[in-house]
Every structure is written in C-alpha cells, then in structure tokens.
PDB file of N, CA and C in Angstrom:
ATOM      1  N   MET A   1     -10.259 -10.111 -32.799  1.00  0.00           N
ATOM      2  CA  MET A   1     -10.485 -10.057 -31.370  1.00  0.00           C
ATOM      3  C   MET A   1     -11.204  -8.745 -31.041  1.00  0.00           C
ATOM      4  N   SER A   2     -12.289  -8.834 -30.300  1.00  0.00           N
ATOM      5  CA  SER A   2     -13.069  -7.638 -29.986  1.00  0.00           C
ATOM      6  C   SER A   2     -12.406  -6.835 -28.867  1.00  0.00           C
ATOM      7  N   GLN A   3     -12.890  -5.603 -28.701  1.00  0.00           N
ATOM      8  CA  GLN A   3     -12.340  -4.729 -27.663  1.00  0.00           C
ATOM      9  C   GLN A   3     -12.595  -5.306 -26.266  1.00  0.00           C
ATOM     10  N   GLU A   4     -13.750  -5.940 -26.054  1.00  0.00           N
ATOM     11  CA  GLU A   4     -14.077  -6.521 -24.752  1.00  0.00           C
ATOM     12  C   GLU A   4     -13.123  -7.664 -24.402  1.00  0.00           C
ATOM     13  N   GLU A   5     -12.751  -8.477 -25.384  1.00  0.00           N
ATOM     14  CA  GLU A   5     -11.816  -9.570 -25.140  1.00  0.00           C
ATOM     15  C   GLU A   5     -10.428  -9.046 -24.800  1.00  0.00           C
ATOM     16  N   LYS A   6     -10.025  -7.934 -25.416  1.00  0.00           N
ATOM     17  CA  LYS A   6      -8.729  -7.338 -25.114  1.00  0.00           C
ATOM     18  C   LYS A   6      -8.697  -6.786 -23.692  1.00  0.00           C
ATOM     19  N   VAL A   7      -9.771  -6.181 -23.238  1.00  0.00           N
ATOM     20  CA  VAL A   7      -9.837  -5.609 -21.899  1.00  0.00           C
ATOM     21  C   VAL A   7      -9.766  -6.705 -20.846  1.00  0.00           C
ATOM     22  N   ASN A   8     -10.383  -7.853 -21.087  1.00  0.00           N
ATOM     23  CA  ASN A   8     -10.451  -8.923 -20.103  1.00  0.00           C
ATOM     24  C   ASN A   8      -9.193  -9.792 -20.047  1.00  0.00           C
ATOM     25  N   GLN A   9      -8.135  -9.433 -20.754  1.00  0.00           N
ATOM     26  CA  GLN A   9      -6.930 -10.253 -20.741  1.00  0.00           C
ATOM     27  C   GLN A   9      -5.979  -9.889 -19.604  1.00  0.00           C
ATOM     28  N   PHE A  10      -6.431  -9.103 -18.664  1.00  0.00           N
ATOM     29  CA  PHE A  10      -5.620  -8.724 -17.524  1.00  0.00           C
ATOM     30  C   PHE A  10      -6.529  -8.564 -16.317  1.00  0.00           C
ATOM     31  N   TRP A  11      -6.104  -9.048 -15.157  1.00  0.00           N
ATOM     32  CA  TRP A  11      -6.858  -8.787 -13.943  1.00  0.00           C
ATOM     33  C   TRP A  11      -5.898  -8.636 -12.768  1.00  0.00           C
ATOM     34  N   LEU A  12      -6.351  -7.902 -11.786  1.00  0.00           N
ATOM     35  CA  LEU A  12      -5.585  -7.643 -10.586  1.00  0.00           C
ATOM     36  C   LEU A  12      -6.533  -7.692  -9.405  1.00  0.00           C
ATOM     37  N   LYS A  13      -6.151  -8.396  -8.385  1.00  0.00           N
ATOM     38  CA  LYS A  13      -6.991  -8.490  -7.193  1.00  0.00           C
ATOM     39  C   LYS A  13      -6.143  -8.107  -5.992  1.00  0.00           C
ATOM     40  N   ASN A  14      -6.585  -7.111  -5.249  1.00  0.00           N
ATOM     41  CA  ASN A  14      -5.909  -6.666  -4.038  1.00  0.00           C
ATOM     42  C   ASN A  14      -6.647  -7.254  -2.846  1.00  0.00           C
ATOM     43  N   ILE A  15      -5.928  -7.933  -1.961  1.00  0.00           N
ATOM     44  CA  ILE A  15      -6.540  -8.621  -0.830  1.00  0.00           C
ATOM     45  C   ILE A  15      -5.975  -8.061   0.467  1.00  0.00           C
ATOM     46  N   ILE A  16      -6.861  -7.736   1.383  1.00  0.00           N
ATOM     47  CA  ILE A  16      -6.473  -7.259   2.707  1.00  0.00           C
ATOM     48  C   ILE A  16      -7.071  -8.221   3.721  1.00  0.00           C
ATOM     49  N   TRP A  17      -6.212  -8.842   4.535  1.00  0.00           N
ATOM     50  CA  TRP A  17      -6.669  -9.782   5.538  1.00  0.00           C
ATOM     51  C   TRP A  17      -6.429  -9.175   6.913  1.00  0.00           C
ATOM     52  N   ASP A  18      -7.490  -9.003   7.671  1.00  0.00           N
ATOM     53  CA  ASP A  18      -7.432  -8.419   9.000  1.00  0.00           C
ATOM     54  C   ASP A  18      -7.266  -9.544  10.018  1.00  0.00           C
ATOM     55  N   SER A  19      -6.083  -9.656  10.597  1.00  0.00           N
ATOM     56  CA  SER A  19      -5.848 -10.717  11.574  1.00  0.00           C
ATOM     57  C   SER A  19      -5.958 -10.212  13.008  1.00  0.00           C
ATOM     58  N   THR A  20      -6.398  -8.975  13.188  1.00  0.00           N
ATOM     59  CA  THR A  20      -6.477  -8.424  14.542  1.00  0.00           C
ATOM     60  C   THR A  20      -7.518  -9.136  15.387  1.00  0.00           C
ATOM     61  N   ARG A  21      -8.526  -9.732  14.764  1.00  0.00           N
ATOM     62  CA  ARG A  21      -9.569 -10.420  15.515  1.00  0.00           C
ATOM     63  C   ARG A  21      -9.299 -11.917  15.670  1.00  0.00           C
ATOM     64  N   SER A  22      -8.520 -12.494  14.766  1.00  0.00           N
ATOM     65  CA  SER A  22      -8.314 -13.940  14.806  1.00  0.00           C
ATOM     66  C   SER A  22      -6.932 -14.349  15.302  1.00  0.00           C
ATOM     67  N   LEU A  23      -5.946 -13.459  15.229  1.00  0.00           N
ATOM     68  CA  LEU A  23      -4.578 -13.807  15.580  1.00  0.00           C
ATOM     69  C   LEU A  23      -3.978 -12.675  16.411  1.00  0.00           C
ATOM     70  N   ARG A  24      -3.514 -12.979  17.610  1.00  0.00           N
ATOM     71  CA  ARG A  24      -2.890 -11.991  18.482  1.00  0.00           C
ATOM     72  C   ARG A  24      -1.426 -12.358  18.664  1.00  0.00           C
ATOM     73  N   LEU A  25      -0.538 -11.412  18.413  1.00  0.00           N
ATOM     74  CA  LEU A  25       0.894 -11.637  18.534  1.00  0.00           C
ATOM     75  C   LEU A  25       1.431 -10.897  19.746  1.00  0.00           C
ATOM     76  N   CYS A  26       2.540 -11.373  20.292  1.00  0.00           N
ATOM     77  CA  CYS A  26       3.155 -10.748  21.455  1.00  0.00           C
ATOM     78  C   CYS A  26       4.615 -11.174  21.499  1.00  0.00           C
ATOM     79  N   VAL A  27       5.505 -10.253  21.906  1.00  0.00           N
ATOM     80  CA  VAL A  27       6.925 -10.567  22.049  1.00  0.00           C
ATOM     81  C   VAL A  27       7.175 -10.906  23.516  1.00  0.00           C
ATOM     82  N   LEU A  28       7.696 -12.090  23.755  1.00  0.00           N
ATOM     83  CA  LEU A  28       7.978 -12.545  25.117  1.00  0.00           C
ATOM     84  C   LEU A  28       9.471 -12.797  25.276  1.00  0.00           C
ATOM     85  N   GLY A  29       9.943 -12.760  26.499  1.00  0.00           N
ATOM     86  CA  GLY A  29      11.323 -13.110  26.786  1.00  0.00           C
ATOM     87  C   GLY A  29      12.335 -12.017  26.494  1.00  0.00           C
ATOM     88  N   ALA A  30      11.905 -10.764  26.398  1.00  0.00           N
ATOM     89  CA  ALA A  30      12.845  -9.677  26.138  1.00  0.00           C
ATOM     90  C   ALA A  30      13.538  -9.270  27.429  1.00  0.00           C
ATOM     91  N   LEU A  31      14.746  -8.790  27.304  1.00  0.00           N
ATOM     92  CA  LEU A  31      15.499  -8.335  28.468  1.00  0.00           C
ATOM     93  C   LEU A  31      14.840  -7.104  29.087  1.00  0.00           C
ATOM     94  N   ALA A  32      15.016  -6.947  30.385  1.00  0.00           N
ATOM     95  CA  ALA A  32      14.436  -5.795  31.091  1.00  0.00           C
ATOM     96  C   ALA A  32      15.004  -4.483  30.556  1.00  0.00           C
ATOM     97  N   LEU A  33      16.271  -4.483  30.189  1.00  0.00           N
ATOM     98  CA  LEU A  33      16.885  -3.278  29.638  1.00  0.00           C
ATOM     99  C   LEU A  33      16.207  -2.866  28.328  1.00  0.00           C
ATOM    100  N   LEU A  34      15.888  -3.828  27.487  1.00  0.00           N
ATOM    101  CA  LEU A  34      15.199  -3.538  26.232  1.00  0.00           C
ATOM    102  C   LEU A  34      13.803  -2.993  26.500  1.00  0.00           C
ATOM    103  N   ARG A  35      13.067  -3.626  27.400  1.00  0.00           N
ATOM    104  CA  ARG A  35      11.723  -3.147  27.737  1.00  0.00           C
ATOM    105  C   ARG A  35      11.767  -1.721  28.281  1.00  0.00           C
ATOM    106  N   THR A  36      12.727  -1.444  29.172  1.00  0.00           N
ATOM    107  CA  THR A  36      12.846  -0.113  29.774  1.00  0.00           C
ATOM    108  C   THR A  36      13.225   0.931  28.736  1.00  0.00           C
ATOM    109  N   SER A  37      14.152   0.602  27.860  1.00  0.00           N
ATOM    110  CA  SER A  37      14.581   1.582  26.852  1.00  0.00           C
ATOM    111  C   SER A  37      13.463   1.877  25.858  1.00  0.00           C
ATOM    112  N   LEU A  38      12.694   0.869  25.454  1.00  0.00           N
ATOM    113  CA  LEU A  38      11.579   1.118  24.540  1.00  0.00           C
ATOM    114  C   LEU A  38      10.476   1.927  25.226  1.00  0.00           C
ATOM    115  N   ALA A  39      10.237   1.670  26.510  1.00  0.00           N
ATOM    116  CA  ALA A  39       9.249   2.469  27.251  1.00  0.00           C
ATOM    117  C   ALA A  39       9.707   3.917  27.357  1.00  0.00           C
ATOM    118  N   ALA A  40      11.006   4.147  27.565  1.00  0.00           N
ATOM    119  CA  ALA A  40      11.533   5.510  27.644  1.00  0.00           C
ATOM    120  C   ALA A  40      11.393   6.234  26.301  1.00  0.00           C
ATOM    121  N   ILE A  41      11.634   5.539  25.214  1.00  0.00           N
ATOM    122  CA  ILE A  41      11.488   6.152  23.887  1.00  0.00           C
ATOM    123  C   ILE A  41      10.033   6.528  23.634  1.00  0.00           C
ATOM    124  N   ARG A  42       9.095   5.646  24.014  1.00  0.00           N
ATOM    125  CA  ARG A  42       7.673   5.969  23.837  1.00  0.00           C
ATOM    126  C   ARG A  42       7.270   7.149  24.712  1.00  0.00           C
ATOM    127  N   ALA A  43       7.792   7.216  25.936  1.00  0.00           N
ATOM    128  CA  ALA A  43       7.499   8.352  26.823  1.00  0.00           C
ATOM    129  C   ALA A  43       8.052   9.647  26.243  1.00  0.00           C
ATOM    130  N   LEU A  44       9.255   9.597  25.688  1.00  0.00           N
ATOM    131  CA  LEU A  44       9.850  10.769  25.048  1.00  0.00           C
ATOM    132  C   LEU A  44       9.010  11.220  23.859  1.00  0.00           C
ATOM    133  N   ASP A  45       8.506  10.279  23.101  1.00  0.00           N
ATOM    134  CA  ASP A  45       7.683  10.600  21.937  1.00  0.00           C
ATOM    135  C   ASP A  45       6.376  11.279  22.365  1.00  0.00           C
ATOM    136  N   ARG A  46       5.778  10.817  23.470  1.00  0.00           N
ATOM    137  CA  ARG A  46       4.543  11.445  23.967  1.00  0.00           C
ATOM    138  C   ARG A  46       4.814  12.815  24.579  1.00  0.00           C
ATOM    139  N   ALA A  47       5.934  12.952  25.293  1.00  0.00           N
ATOM    140  CA  ALA A  47       6.235  14.196  26.004  1.00  0.00           C
ATOM    141  C   ALA A  47       6.746  15.295  25.077  1.00  0.00           C
ATOM    142  N   ALA A  48       7.450  14.934  24.033  1.00  0.00           N
ATOM    143  CA  ALA A  48       8.060  15.933  23.143  1.00  0.00           C
ATOM    144  C   ALA A  48       7.784  15.582  21.686  1.00  0.00           C
ATOM    145  N   PRO A  49       6.540  15.762  21.231  1.00  0.00           N
ATOM    146  CA  PRO A  49       6.238  15.393  19.838  1.00  0.00           C
ATOM    147  C   PRO A  49       6.947  16.276  18.811  1.00  0.00           C
ATOM    148  N   TRP A  50       7.375  17.479  19.201  1.00  0.00           N
ATOM    149  CA  TRP A  50       8.043  18.365  18.259  1.00  0.00           C
ATOM    150  C   TRP A  50       9.429  17.843  17.859  1.00  0.00           C
ATOM    151  N   LEU A  51       9.989  16.893  18.604  1.00  0.00           N
ATOM    152  CA  LEU A  51      11.275  16.308  18.228  1.00  0.00           C
ATOM    153  C   LEU A  51      11.151  15.375  17.026  1.00  0.00           C
ATOM    154  N   ARG A  52       9.928  14.977  16.734  1.00  0.00           N
ATOM    155  CA  ARG A  52       9.647  14.074  15.610  1.00  0.00           C
ATOM    156  C   ARG A  52      10.466  12.782  15.692  1.00  0.00           C
ATOM    157  N   HIS A  53      10.612  12.287  16.904  1.00  0.00           N
ATOM    158  CA  HIS A  53      11.294  11.015  17.125  1.00  0.00           C
ATOM    159  C   HIS A  53      10.371   9.903  16.638  1.00  0.00           C
ATOM    160  N   PRO A  54      10.872   8.913  15.904  1.00  0.00           N
ATOM    161  CA  PRO A  54       9.989   7.854  15.407  1.00  0.00           C
ATOM    162  C   PRO A  54       9.323   7.089  16.553  1.00  0.00           C
ATOM    163  N   SER A  55       8.045   6.908  16.430  1.00  0.00           N
ATOM    164  CA  SER A  55       7.283   6.212  17.460  1.00  0.00           C
ATOM    165  C   SER A  55       7.467   4.705  17.327  1.00  0.00           C
ATOM    166  N   ILE A  56       7.640   4.040  18.441  1.00  0.00           N
ATOM    167  CA  ILE A  56       7.792   2.587  18.473  1.00  0.00           C
ATOM    168  C   ILE A  56       6.600   2.015  19.223  1.00  0.00           C
ATOM    169  N   PRO A  57       5.823   1.148  18.602  1.00  0.00           N
ATOM    170  CA  PRO A  57       4.658   0.587  19.292  1.00  0.00           C
ATOM    171  C   PRO A  57       5.068  -0.341  20.439  1.00  0.00           C
ATOM    172  N   ASP A  58       4.152  -0.551  21.346  1.00  0.00           N
ATOM    173  CA  ASP A  58       4.389  -1.446  22.473  1.00  0.00           C
ATOM    174  C   ASP A  58       4.186  -2.888  21.992  1.00  0.00           C
ATOM    175  N   ILE A  59       5.274  -3.537  21.624  1.00  0.00           N
ATOM    176  CA  ILE A  59       5.186  -4.893  21.062  1.00  0.00           C
ATOM    177  C   ILE A  59       5.101  -5.961  22.141  1.00  0.00           C
ATOM    178  N   PHE A  60       5.178  -5.565  23.396  1.00  0.00           N
ATOM    179  CA  PHE A  60       5.115  -6.535  24.482  1.00  0.00           C
ATOM    180  C   PHE A  60       3.682  -6.812  24.921  1.00  0.00           C
ATOM    181  N   CYS A  61       2.736  -6.010  24.463  1.00  0.00           N
ATOM    182  CA  CYS A  61       1.313  -6.274  24.681  1.00  0.00           C
ATOM    183  C   CYS A  61       0.765  -6.949  23.420  1.00  0.00           C
ATOM    184  N   PRO A  62      -0.264  -7.774  23.538  1.00  0.00           N
ATOM    185  CA  PRO A  62      -0.799  -8.450  22.348  1.00  0.00           C
ATOM    186  C   PRO A  62      -1.248  -7.447  21.275  1.00  0.00           C
ATOM    187  N   PHE A  63      -0.937  -7.756  20.020  1.00  0.00           N
ATOM    188  CA  PHE A  63      -1.315  -6.898  18.899  1.00  0.00           C
ATOM    189  C   PHE A  63      -1.675  -7.752  17.699  1.00  0.00           C
ATOM    190  N   GLY A  64      -2.401  -7.167  16.777  1.00  0.00           N
ATOM    191  CA  GLY A  64      -2.785  -7.839  15.540  1.00  0.00           C
ATOM    192  C   GLY A  64      -2.135  -7.153  14.355  1.00  0.00           C
ATOM    193  N   THR A  65      -2.219  -7.782  13.197  1.00  0.00           N
ATOM    194  CA  THR A  65      -1.617  -7.224  11.986  1.00  0.00           C
ATOM    195  C   THR A  65      -2.602  -7.289  10.824  1.00  0.00           C
ATOM    196  N   TYR A  66      -2.282  -6.548   9.786  1.00  0.00           N
ATOM    197  CA  TYR A  66      -3.009  -6.607   8.529  1.00  0.00           C
ATOM    198  C   TYR A  66      -2.061  -7.169   7.476  1.00  0.00           C
ATOM    199  N   LEU A  67      -2.536  -8.132   6.722  1.00  0.00           N
ATOM    200  CA  LEU A  67      -1.752  -8.736   5.651  1.00  0.00           C
ATOM    201  C   LEU A  67      -2.306  -8.226   4.331  1.00  0.00           C
ATOM    202  N   LEU A  68      -1.456  -7.593   3.530  1.00  0.00           N
ATOM    203  CA  LEU A  68      -1.848  -7.051   2.234  1.00  0.00           C
ATOM    204  C   LEU A  68      -1.083  -7.786   1.139  1.00  0.00           C
ATOM    205  N   TYR A  69      -1.797  -8.252   0.125  1.00  0.00           N
ATOM    206  CA  TYR A  69      -1.122  -8.866  -1.004  1.00  0.00           C
ATOM    207  C   TYR A  69      -1.981  -8.730  -2.258  1.00  0.00           C
ATOM    208  N   ASP A  70      -1.334  -8.868  -3.402  1.00  0.00           N
ATOM    209  CA  ASP A  70      -1.994  -8.727  -4.699  1.00  0.00           C
ATOM    210  C   ASP A  70      -1.835 -10.007  -5.505  1.00  0.00           C
ATOM    211  N   LEU A  71      -2.860 -10.311  -6.283  1.00  0.00           N
ATOM    212  CA  LEU A  71      -2.802 -11.379  -7.269  1.00  0.00           C
ATOM    213  C   LEU A  71      -3.004 -10.734  -8.634  1.00  0.00           C
ATOM    214  N   CYS A  72      -2.187 -11.119  -9.600  1.00  0.00           N
ATOM    215  CA  CYS A  72      -2.247 -10.484 -10.907  1.00  0.00           C
ATOM    216  C   CYS A  72      -1.989 -11.534 -11.987  1.00  0.00           C
ATOM    217  N   MET A  73      -2.698 -11.407 -13.101  1.00  0.00           N
ATOM    218  CA  MET A  73      -2.455 -12.295 -14.223  1.00  0.00           C
ATOM    219  C   MET A  73      -2.795 -11.563 -15.508  1.00  0.00           C
ATOM    220  N   SER A  74      -2.016 -11.831 -16.532  1.00  0.00           N
ATOM    221  CA  SER A  74      -2.288 -11.236 -17.834  1.00  0.00           C
ATOM    222  C   SER A  74      -2.037 -12.283 -18.908  1.00  0.00           C
ATOM    223  N   GLY A  75      -2.545 -12.023 -20.085  1.00  0.00           N
ATOM    224  CA  GLY A  75      -2.371 -12.941 -21.197  1.00  0.00           C
ATOM    225  C   GLY A  75      -3.688 -13.538 -21.644  1.00  0.00           C
ATOM    226  N   PRO A  76      -3.660 -14.357 -22.662  1.00  0.00           N
ATOM    227  CA  PRO A  76      -4.895 -14.895 -23.223  1.00  0.00           C
ATOM    228  C   PRO A  76      -5.630 -15.855 -22.286  1.00  0.00           C
ATOM    229  N   ARG A  77      -4.936 -16.486 -21.334  1.00  0.00           N
ATOM    230  CA  ARG A  77      -5.606 -17.422 -20.418  1.00  0.00           C
ATOM    231  C   ARG A  77      -6.085 -16.764 -19.127  1.00  0.00           C
ATOM    232  N   ALA A  78      -5.807 -15.484 -18.945  1.00  0.00           N
ATOM    233  CA  ALA A  78      -6.170 -14.797 -17.706  1.00  0.00           C
ATOM    234  C   ALA A  78      -7.670 -14.806 -17.411  1.00  0.00           C
ATOM    235  N   PRO A  79      -8.540 -14.551 -18.381  1.00  0.00           N
ATOM    236  CA  PRO A  79      -9.974 -14.547 -18.045  1.00  0.00           C
ATOM    237  C   PRO A  79     -10.493 -15.887 -17.568  1.00  0.00           C
ATOM    238  N   ARG A  80      -9.885 -16.985 -18.007  1.00  0.00           N
ATOM    239  CA  ARG A  80     -10.353 -18.307 -17.601  1.00  0.00           C
ATOM    240  C   ARG A  80      -9.873 -18.692 -16.201  1.00  0.00           C
ATOM    241  N   CYS A  81      -8.784 -18.059 -15.711  1.00  0.00           N
ATOM    242  CA  CYS A  81      -8.238 -18.406 -14.403  1.00  0.00           C
ATOM    243  C   CYS A  81      -8.986 -17.738 -13.266  1.00  0.00           C
ATOM    244  N   PHE A  82      -9.571 -16.609 -13.525  1.00  0.00           N
ATOM    245  CA  PHE A  82     -10.255 -15.882 -12.462  1.00  0.00           C
ATOM    246  C   PHE A  82     -11.472 -15.176 -13.056  1.00  0.00           C
ATOM    247  N   ALA A  83     -12.617 -15.448 -12.515  1.00  0.00           N
ATOM    248  CA  ALA A  83     -13.848 -14.793 -12.993  1.00  0.00           C
ATOM    249  C   ALA A  83     -14.374 -13.905 -11.867  1.00  0.00           C
ATOM    250  N   PRO A  84     -14.187 -12.570 -11.957  1.00  0.00           N
ATOM    251  CA  PRO A  84     -14.633 -11.682 -10.885  1.00  0.00           C
ATOM    252  C   PRO A  84     -16.132 -11.667 -10.691  1.00  0.00           C
TER     253      PRO A  84
END
C-alpha cells in the first residue's frame, strides 16, 4: 500500500449552516414576569459590565441560528464514500 493510499483512508468534513437568512425563530407565550425579569437582567448587563453578569439575548424578538456539525469516516472504504 502506497503512502498516498494510507493518507486517503480518513476524511473529515466540517459543515456550517447559516439559518439566519432562511429560518427565523421566536419565543411566544412567555409570562410578563419572565419578559420583565429578562429585560432587567439585560439592562443590568448594559449598565454595569464590570459585574460580568452573563448576558442573555432577547429571545422574544426573531433570531437565527448557526448549525455546526462534522462528518467523519476512516478505514479502507472511506475514500470511496466521499470524494472531496
């Protein structure tokens, strides 16, 4: 078996899917107390950044996500399953 054949017996593909343009998510039906408390936490985070309070995004407005995943295969059949 040549060195080139040994190198090609493993592959890894990292995929990033940007859904911010095609899919918009939003949380609906939350209690007013929850909305008010999350708004207060965000205001505290903006007003006093030195407290290093964890920031909570505004999930009640539409937002998008990024999906990250990997595909991996190794072994003698790996080069035949995926040709980069």
